[in-house]
Every structure is written in C-alpha cells, then in structure tokens.
Amino acid sequence: MPCMTIDFANYQHLWCPWQKALIIKVLGRNISHKLLMQRISELWKLDWECEFIDLEGGYYLVRFRSQKDYDHVLNDGLSVENFLLNMGNLVGRVVKVDPTTLFTAQEKFVRVCVEIDLEKPQVLFISILGHVQAVEYEGLHLICFC
C-alpha cells in the first residue's frame, strides 16, 4: 500500500493555522451564517473578529485570531451552553435551548426544549449544586391524554 510520510516541520506548518480553532455545532433550528456570526459575537464578546467556516450539517469551524479569545471561548464561552444542556438532560432529552436564554442574561429562569416520556412521572424539581429548583412545563395542557 502506498504510504505518504511527512516530516515534523511540514506537519507543524500545515497544523499551525488551525491551532486556535474550534468546531461548533448549532443546536435547534438552522440560522443563517451571518446571523450566527452576529449572535456568537454578542455572546462571546471577542476582542478580535474570528473566521467562521460552514462545514455543513449545522457544524462550523471557528478560527480565532488571538489566543486570548480562543482561551476565553474554550473556558468560559461554551460553559453556559453546556450547563444548560446538562440541566435540561436532568428533565428529559434536550432538543434545543431557547435562543433568548442562550444569548441574553436571564436572571429568573431559563427555557430549554426537552423531549419527555409522558408515561413516566414528570420531574418537578432538580438540584443544582445543592440548590433545589422547580421545573415548569409549558404546553402540557395542549396534549390529550385520552
């Protein structure tokens, strides 16, 4: 079988431009490339503009110009979404996080769309770091259980 080899210097030259890049997945409904860039900029509050490359299927490659911005997003910017996903998964299977919740600071509540099994008891409370939080369901009154 033919095999290509590459020396470390060339490998490093090819890899270097992607050193400060992340692949992200957009959850929920599809949004335009331009709107995604705008929302991400608002959410992450970067010092420098970053490059968005559409990888299709809701995946984007985000390449940062500064190490500071890359570190900020990796350590802080993604943690809010991960927290909301983990919280929603305590109730059911997360389908999407409400964009208003994700892109603005809500102090009183968060809205997460979850798929639940209606034949199982509803989760009425969840505990987050020892703090008990009530769970409210929207739209259940619209479902016929007969």
N, C-alpha and C. Protein backbone atom coordinates (compact mmCIF):
# COMPACT_ATOMS: atom_id res chain seq x y z
N MET A 1 0.85 -1.16 0.00
CA MET A 1 0.00 0.00 0.00
C MET A 1 0.90 1.24 0.00
N PRO A 2 0.62 2.20 -0.88
CA PRO A 2 1.42 3.43 -0.88
C PRO A 2 1.22 4.19 0.43
N CYS A 3 2.27 4.73 0.92
CA CYS A 3 2.23 5.44 2.19
C CYS A 3 2.98 6.76 2.07
N MET A 4 2.33 7.84 2.48
CA MET A 4 2.98 9.14 2.41
C MET A 4 3.51 9.49 3.80
N THR A 5 4.69 9.97 3.85
CA THR A 5 5.24 10.43 5.12
C THR A 5 5.45 11.94 5.05
N ILE A 6 5.44 12.54 6.19
CA ILE A 6 5.66 13.99 6.26
C ILE A 6 6.54 14.27 7.47
N ASP A 7 7.52 15.11 7.27
CA ASP A 7 8.40 15.42 8.40
C ASP A 7 7.69 16.38 9.35
N PHE A 8 8.19 16.45 10.55
CA PHE A 8 7.54 17.23 11.60
C PHE A 8 7.42 18.70 11.25
N ALA A 9 8.41 19.27 10.62
CA ALA A 9 8.38 20.70 10.27
C ALA A 9 7.23 20.98 9.30
N ASN A 10 7.07 20.13 8.30
CA ASN A 10 5.96 20.32 7.36
C ASN A 10 4.61 20.06 8.03
N TYR A 11 4.57 19.06 8.89
CA TYR A 11 3.34 18.77 9.62
C TYR A 11 2.94 19.97 10.47
N GLN A 12 3.91 20.53 11.17
CA GLN A 12 3.65 21.69 12.02
C GLN A 12 3.21 22.89 11.18
N HIS A 13 3.77 23.06 10.01
CA HIS A 13 3.40 24.15 9.09
C HIS A 13 1.94 24.01 8.64
N LEU A 14 1.50 22.77 8.39
CA LEU A 14 0.11 22.53 7.99
C LEU A 14 -0.86 22.70 9.16
N TRP A 15 -0.45 22.31 10.33
CA TRP A 15 -1.31 22.32 11.50
C TRP A 15 -1.41 23.69 12.16
N CYS A 16 -0.38 24.49 12.08
CA CYS A 16 -0.28 25.76 12.79
C CYS A 16 -1.47 26.70 12.57
N PRO A 17 -1.97 26.91 11.35
CA PRO A 17 -3.10 27.85 11.19
C PRO A 17 -4.38 27.42 11.90
N TRP A 18 -4.49 26.13 12.25
CA TRP A 18 -5.71 25.61 12.88
C TRP A 18 -5.55 25.42 14.38
N GLN A 19 -4.46 25.91 14.91
CA GLN A 19 -4.13 25.76 16.31
C GLN A 19 -5.15 26.45 17.23
N LYS A 20 -5.67 27.59 16.80
CA LYS A 20 -6.65 28.34 17.59
C LYS A 20 -8.01 28.24 16.90
N ALA A 21 -8.50 27.02 16.70
CA ALA A 21 -9.78 26.81 16.03
C ALA A 21 -10.62 25.81 16.81
N LEU A 22 -11.93 25.98 16.71
CA LEU A 22 -12.88 25.07 17.34
C LEU A 22 -13.93 24.68 16.31
N ILE A 23 -14.46 23.49 16.45
CA ILE A 23 -15.61 23.09 15.65
C ILE A 23 -16.81 23.15 16.58
N ILE A 24 -17.84 23.89 16.16
CA ILE A 24 -19.03 24.02 16.98
C ILE A 24 -20.22 23.45 16.22
N LYS A 25 -21.25 23.06 16.95
CA LYS A 25 -22.49 22.52 16.38
C LYS A 25 -23.62 23.43 16.82
N VAL A 26 -24.42 23.87 15.87
CA VAL A 26 -25.58 24.70 16.18
C VAL A 26 -26.74 23.78 16.51
N LEU A 27 -27.31 23.96 17.71
CA LEU A 27 -28.44 23.15 18.14
C LEU A 27 -29.73 23.88 17.85
N GLY A 28 -30.79 23.14 17.61
CA GLY A 28 -32.08 23.76 17.34
C GLY A 28 -32.24 24.07 15.86
N ARG A 29 -32.96 25.14 15.59
CA ARG A 29 -33.26 25.47 14.20
C ARG A 29 -32.02 26.01 13.49
N ASN A 30 -32.03 25.86 12.18
CA ASN A 30 -30.93 26.38 11.37
C ASN A 30 -31.04 27.89 11.28
N ILE A 31 -29.90 28.56 11.39
CA ILE A 31 -29.87 30.00 11.22
C ILE A 31 -28.83 30.34 10.17
N SER A 32 -28.95 31.53 9.61
CA SER A 32 -28.03 31.92 8.54
C SER A 32 -26.62 32.11 9.10
N HIS A 33 -25.67 32.00 8.21
CA HIS A 33 -24.26 32.17 8.56
C HIS A 33 -24.04 33.55 9.18
N LYS A 34 -24.65 34.57 8.57
CA LYS A 34 -24.49 35.95 9.05
C LYS A 34 -25.08 36.13 10.44
N LEU A 35 -26.28 35.58 10.68
CA LEU A 35 -26.92 35.69 11.98
C LEU A 35 -26.12 34.93 13.04
N LEU A 36 -25.58 33.78 12.68
CA LEU A 36 -24.75 33.02 13.62
C LEU A 36 -23.54 33.84 14.03
N MET A 37 -22.87 34.45 13.07
CA MET A 37 -21.69 35.27 13.38
C MET A 37 -22.07 36.41 14.32
N GLN A 38 -23.20 37.05 14.06
CA GLN A 38 -23.66 38.15 14.89
C GLN A 38 -23.96 37.67 16.32
N ARG A 39 -24.69 36.58 16.44
CA ARG A 39 -25.07 36.06 17.76
C ARG A 39 -23.84 35.60 18.55
N ILE A 40 -22.93 34.92 17.87
CA ILE A 40 -21.72 34.44 18.53
C ILE A 40 -20.88 35.63 19.02
N SER A 41 -20.78 36.65 18.20
CA SER A 41 -20.02 37.84 18.60
C SER A 41 -20.63 38.49 19.84
N GLU A 42 -21.97 38.56 19.89
CA GLU A 42 -22.65 39.12 21.06
C GLU A 42 -22.43 38.26 22.30
N LEU A 43 -22.49 36.96 22.12
CA LEU A 43 -22.36 36.04 23.24
C LEU A 43 -20.93 35.97 23.78
N TRP A 44 -19.96 35.85 22.88
CA TRP A 44 -18.59 35.64 23.30
C TRP A 44 -17.84 36.93 23.60
N LYS A 45 -18.27 38.06 23.07
CA LYS A 45 -17.62 39.37 23.30
C LYS A 45 -16.10 39.28 23.07
N LEU A 46 -15.72 38.99 21.84
CA LEU A 46 -14.32 38.80 21.48
C LEU A 46 -13.61 40.13 21.25
N ASP A 47 -12.31 40.13 21.48
CA ASP A 47 -11.50 41.32 21.19
C ASP A 47 -11.25 41.47 19.70
N TRP A 48 -11.11 40.33 19.01
CA TRP A 48 -10.80 40.32 17.58
C TRP A 48 -11.90 39.58 16.84
N GLU A 49 -12.09 39.93 15.58
CA GLU A 49 -13.06 39.22 14.75
C GLU A 49 -12.52 37.82 14.46
N CYS A 50 -13.42 36.84 14.43
CA CYS A 50 -12.98 35.47 14.13
C CYS A 50 -13.57 35.04 12.79
N GLU A 51 -13.02 33.98 12.25
CA GLU A 51 -13.43 33.46 10.94
C GLU A 51 -14.36 32.26 11.14
N PHE A 52 -15.50 32.27 10.46
CA PHE A 52 -16.47 31.17 10.52
C PHE A 52 -16.45 30.44 9.19
N ILE A 53 -16.27 29.14 9.23
CA ILE A 53 -16.28 28.32 8.02
C ILE A 53 -17.40 27.29 8.17
N ASP A 54 -18.36 27.32 7.24
CA ASP A 54 -19.50 26.41 7.27
C ASP A 54 -19.03 25.02 6.84
N LEU A 55 -19.17 24.05 7.75
CA LEU A 55 -18.78 22.67 7.45
C LEU A 55 -19.99 21.82 7.04
N GLU A 56 -21.17 22.44 6.99
CA GLU A 56 -22.44 21.79 6.64
C GLU A 56 -22.97 20.96 7.81
N GLY A 57 -24.25 20.67 7.77
CA GLY A 57 -24.89 19.85 8.79
C GLY A 57 -24.99 20.54 10.15
N GLY A 58 -24.94 21.88 10.17
CA GLY A 58 -25.00 22.60 11.43
C GLY A 58 -23.66 22.75 12.13
N TYR A 59 -22.58 22.27 11.52
CA TYR A 59 -21.24 22.39 12.09
C TYR A 59 -20.52 23.57 11.46
N TYR A 60 -19.77 24.28 12.29
CA TYR A 60 -18.95 25.40 11.83
C TYR A 60 -17.57 25.28 12.44
N LEU A 61 -16.58 25.68 11.68
CA LEU A 61 -15.23 25.79 12.20
C LEU A 61 -15.03 27.27 12.52
N VAL A 62 -14.62 27.56 13.73
CA VAL A 62 -14.38 28.93 14.15
C VAL A 62 -12.89 29.07 14.41
N ARG A 63 -12.26 29.97 13.65
CA ARG A 63 -10.81 30.19 13.79
C ARG A 63 -10.59 31.57 14.41
N PHE A 64 -9.88 31.57 15.52
CA PHE A 64 -9.65 32.79 16.29
C PHE A 64 -8.33 33.44 15.90
N ARG A 65 -8.29 34.76 15.98
CA ARG A 65 -7.07 35.50 15.67
C ARG A 65 -6.17 35.64 16.88
N SER A 66 -6.74 35.56 18.08
CA SER A 66 -5.91 35.73 19.27
C SER A 66 -6.06 34.54 20.21
N GLN A 67 -5.00 34.23 20.88
CA GLN A 67 -5.00 33.15 21.87
C GLN A 67 -5.93 33.50 23.02
N LYS A 68 -5.99 34.78 23.38
CA LYS A 68 -6.85 35.23 24.48
C LYS A 68 -8.32 34.93 24.16
N ASP A 69 -8.78 35.24 22.94
CA ASP A 69 -10.16 34.96 22.55
C ASP A 69 -10.43 33.46 22.53
N TYR A 70 -9.50 32.70 21.99
CA TYR A 70 -9.64 31.24 21.94
C TYR A 70 -9.79 30.67 23.35
N ASP A 71 -8.92 31.08 24.26
CA ASP A 71 -8.97 30.59 25.63
C ASP A 71 -10.27 31.01 26.32
N HIS A 72 -10.70 32.25 26.07
CA HIS A 72 -11.94 32.75 26.67
C HIS A 72 -13.13 31.88 26.25
N VAL A 73 -13.24 31.59 24.97
CA VAL A 73 -14.37 30.80 24.47
C VAL A 73 -14.28 29.37 24.98
N LEU A 74 -13.11 28.80 24.93
CA LEU A 74 -12.93 27.42 25.36
C LEU A 74 -13.23 27.26 26.86
N ASN A 75 -12.83 28.23 27.66
CA ASN A 75 -13.00 28.11 29.11
C ASN A 75 -14.29 28.72 29.64
N ASP A 76 -14.80 29.78 28.98
CA ASP A 76 -15.96 30.49 29.51
C ASP A 76 -17.15 30.48 28.56
N GLY A 77 -16.89 30.72 27.29
CA GLY A 77 -17.96 30.92 26.32
C GLY A 77 -18.82 29.71 26.07
N LEU A 78 -18.25 28.52 26.14
CA LEU A 78 -19.02 27.30 25.89
C LEU A 78 -19.65 26.74 27.15
N SER A 79 -19.21 27.19 28.30
CA SER A 79 -19.70 26.60 29.54
C SER A 79 -21.17 26.88 29.80
N VAL A 80 -21.68 28.04 29.38
CA VAL A 80 -23.10 28.36 29.59
C VAL A 80 -23.97 27.37 28.84
N GLU A 81 -23.66 27.15 27.57
CA GLU A 81 -24.47 26.21 26.77
C GLU A 81 -24.38 24.81 27.34
N ASN A 82 -23.17 24.37 27.72
CA ASN A 82 -23.01 23.03 28.29
C ASN A 82 -23.80 22.90 29.59
N PHE A 83 -23.79 23.94 30.41
CA PHE A 83 -24.54 23.92 31.66
C PHE A 83 -26.03 23.75 31.38
N LEU A 84 -26.57 24.52 30.43
CA LEU A 84 -27.99 24.44 30.10
C LEU A 84 -28.35 23.06 29.53
N LEU A 85 -27.47 22.50 28.71
CA LEU A 85 -27.72 21.16 28.17
C LEU A 85 -27.74 20.12 29.28
N ASN A 86 -26.78 20.19 30.18
CA ASN A 86 -26.74 19.23 31.30
C ASN A 86 -27.95 19.38 32.20
N MET A 87 -28.36 20.61 32.44
CA MET A 87 -29.53 20.86 33.27
C MET A 87 -30.79 20.30 32.59
N GLY A 88 -30.97 20.58 31.32
CA GLY A 88 -32.13 20.07 30.59
C GLY A 88 -32.17 18.57 30.52
N ASN A 89 -31.01 17.94 30.43
CA ASN A 89 -30.95 16.48 30.36
C ASN A 89 -31.36 15.81 31.68
N LEU A 90 -31.44 16.57 32.77
CA LEU A 90 -31.97 16.03 34.03
C LEU A 90 -33.48 15.82 33.94
N VAL A 91 -34.13 16.57 33.05
CA VAL A 91 -35.59 16.51 32.90
C VAL A 91 -35.98 15.57 31.77
N GLY A 92 -35.25 15.60 30.68
CA GLY A 92 -35.54 14.79 29.50
C GLY A 92 -34.39 14.91 28.51
N ARG A 93 -34.66 14.58 27.25
CA ARG A 93 -33.62 14.71 26.22
C ARG A 93 -33.71 16.11 25.61
N VAL A 94 -32.64 16.88 25.73
CA VAL A 94 -32.64 18.26 25.23
C VAL A 94 -32.77 18.26 23.71
N VAL A 95 -33.73 19.05 23.23
CA VAL A 95 -33.93 19.24 21.80
C VAL A 95 -33.25 20.53 21.37
N LYS A 96 -33.47 21.60 22.14
CA LYS A 96 -32.80 22.87 21.87
C LYS A 96 -32.88 23.77 23.09
N VAL A 97 -31.99 24.75 23.11
CA VAL A 97 -32.00 25.77 24.14
C VAL A 97 -32.61 27.01 23.51
N ASP A 98 -33.53 27.65 24.23
CA ASP A 98 -34.17 28.85 23.73
C ASP A 98 -33.11 29.90 23.41
N PRO A 99 -33.11 30.47 22.19
CA PRO A 99 -32.10 31.46 21.82
C PRO A 99 -32.06 32.67 22.76
N THR A 100 -33.22 33.10 23.25
CA THR A 100 -33.24 34.23 24.18
C THR A 100 -32.49 33.89 25.45
N THR A 101 -32.67 32.66 25.93
CA THR A 101 -31.96 32.21 27.12
C THR A 101 -30.46 32.12 26.85
N LEU A 102 -30.10 31.61 25.69
CA LEU A 102 -28.69 31.39 25.38
C LEU A 102 -27.94 32.69 25.12
N PHE A 103 -28.59 33.64 24.46
CA PHE A 103 -27.88 34.84 24.02
C PHE A 103 -28.12 36.07 24.89
N THR A 104 -28.90 35.95 25.93
CA THR A 104 -29.09 37.06 26.86
C THR A 104 -29.00 36.53 28.28
N ALA A 105 -28.76 37.43 29.19
CA ALA A 105 -28.64 37.03 30.60
C ALA A 105 -30.02 37.07 31.24
N GLN A 106 -30.57 35.91 31.53
CA GLN A 106 -31.85 35.80 32.23
C GLN A 106 -31.53 35.50 33.68
N GLU A 107 -32.10 36.27 34.58
CA GLU A 107 -31.81 36.04 35.98
C GLU A 107 -32.82 35.14 36.66
N LYS A 108 -34.06 35.10 36.16
CA LYS A 108 -35.12 34.40 36.87
C LYS A 108 -35.41 33.01 36.34
N PHE A 109 -35.18 32.77 35.07
CA PHE A 109 -35.49 31.45 34.52
C PHE A 109 -34.70 31.21 33.25
N VAL A 110 -34.66 29.94 32.86
CA VAL A 110 -34.11 29.55 31.56
C VAL A 110 -35.16 28.68 30.89
N ARG A 111 -35.16 28.71 29.57
CA ARG A 111 -36.13 27.90 28.82
C ARG A 111 -35.34 26.94 27.94
N VAL A 112 -35.62 25.65 28.15
CA VAL A 112 -34.96 24.59 27.38
C VAL A 112 -36.06 23.67 26.87
N CYS A 113 -36.01 23.36 25.58
CA CYS A 113 -36.98 22.43 24.99
C CYS A 113 -36.45 21.01 25.18
N VAL A 114 -37.24 20.19 25.89
CA VAL A 114 -36.82 18.81 26.13
C VAL A 114 -37.90 17.85 25.68
N GLU A 115 -37.47 16.68 25.26
CA GLU A 115 -38.39 15.60 24.91
C GLU A 115 -38.56 14.75 26.16
N ILE A 116 -39.81 14.53 26.56
CA ILE A 116 -40.07 13.74 27.78
C ILE A 116 -40.97 12.56 27.43
N ASP A 117 -40.88 11.53 28.24
CA ASP A 117 -41.75 10.36 28.12
C ASP A 117 -42.98 10.63 28.97
N LEU A 118 -44.13 10.82 28.33
CA LEU A 118 -45.35 11.16 29.05
C LEU A 118 -45.91 10.02 29.88
N GLU A 119 -45.39 8.81 29.70
CA GLU A 119 -45.83 7.68 30.51
C GLU A 119 -45.07 7.58 31.83
N LYS A 120 -44.04 8.41 31.97
CA LYS A 120 -43.26 8.42 33.21
C LYS A 120 -43.64 9.65 34.03
N PRO A 121 -43.44 9.60 35.34
CA PRO A 121 -43.74 10.78 36.17
C PRO A 121 -42.87 11.98 35.75
N GLN A 122 -43.46 13.16 35.82
CA GLN A 122 -42.72 14.38 35.48
C GLN A 122 -41.71 14.69 36.57
N VAL A 123 -40.58 15.24 36.15
CA VAL A 123 -39.58 15.73 37.10
C VAL A 123 -40.08 17.10 37.55
N LEU A 124 -40.34 17.25 38.84
CA LEU A 124 -40.88 18.50 39.35
C LEU A 124 -39.81 19.44 39.89
N PHE A 125 -38.68 18.86 40.32
CA PHE A 125 -37.59 19.66 40.88
C PHE A 125 -36.26 19.06 40.43
N ILE A 126 -35.26 19.90 40.29
CA ILE A 126 -33.89 19.44 40.07
C ILE A 126 -33.00 20.14 41.09
N SER A 127 -31.88 19.53 41.39
CA SER A 127 -30.93 20.12 42.32
C SER A 127 -29.69 20.53 41.56
N ILE A 128 -29.32 21.78 41.69
CA ILE A 128 -28.13 22.32 41.04
C ILE A 128 -27.20 22.81 42.14
N LEU A 129 -26.11 22.09 42.33
CA LEU A 129 -25.15 22.41 43.39
C LEU A 129 -25.83 22.59 44.75
N GLY A 130 -26.78 21.70 45.04
CA GLY A 130 -27.47 21.74 46.31
C GLY A 130 -28.66 22.70 46.37
N HIS A 131 -28.86 23.49 45.33
CA HIS A 131 -29.99 24.42 45.28
C HIS A 131 -31.14 23.75 44.53
N VAL A 132 -32.29 23.62 45.19
CA VAL A 132 -33.45 22.97 44.59
C VAL A 132 -34.18 23.99 43.72
N GLN A 133 -34.42 23.60 42.48
CA GLN A 133 -35.07 24.48 41.50
C GLN A 133 -36.32 23.79 40.97
N ALA A 134 -37.44 24.49 40.98
CA ALA A 134 -38.68 23.95 40.44
C ALA A 134 -38.61 23.89 38.91
N VAL A 135 -39.23 22.88 38.34
CA VAL A 135 -39.31 22.73 36.89
C VAL A 135 -40.74 23.01 36.48
N GLU A 136 -40.92 23.88 35.51
CA GLU A 136 -42.25 24.19 34.98
C GLU A 136 -42.34 23.68 33.56
N TYR A 137 -43.48 23.11 33.21
CA TYR A 137 -43.71 22.58 31.87
C TYR A 137 -44.68 23.50 31.13
N GLU A 138 -44.33 23.84 29.90
CA GLU A 138 -45.21 24.66 29.07
C GLU A 138 -45.86 23.77 28.02
N GLY A 139 -47.14 23.99 27.78
CA GLY A 139 -47.82 23.32 26.68
C GLY A 139 -48.39 21.95 26.99
N LEU A 140 -48.20 21.43 28.20
CA LEU A 140 -48.75 20.11 28.52
C LEU A 140 -50.28 20.11 28.50
N HIS A 141 -50.90 21.25 28.77
CA HIS A 141 -52.34 21.34 28.76
C HIS A 141 -52.92 21.18 27.34
N LEU A 142 -52.06 21.30 26.33
CA LEU A 142 -52.49 21.16 24.95
C LEU A 142 -52.55 19.70 24.49
N ILE A 143 -52.01 18.79 25.30
CA ILE A 143 -51.92 17.39 24.92
C ILE A 143 -53.12 16.64 25.46
N CYS A 144 -53.73 15.82 24.61
CA CYS A 144 -54.86 14.97 25.02
C CYS A 144 -54.30 13.64 25.51
N PHE A 145 -54.59 13.29 26.73
CA PHE A 145 -54.09 12.05 27.31
C PHE A 145 -55.09 10.90 27.20
N CYS A 146 -56.23 11.14 26.52
CA CYS A 146 -57.26 10.11 26.40
C CYS A 146 -56.94 9.14 25.27
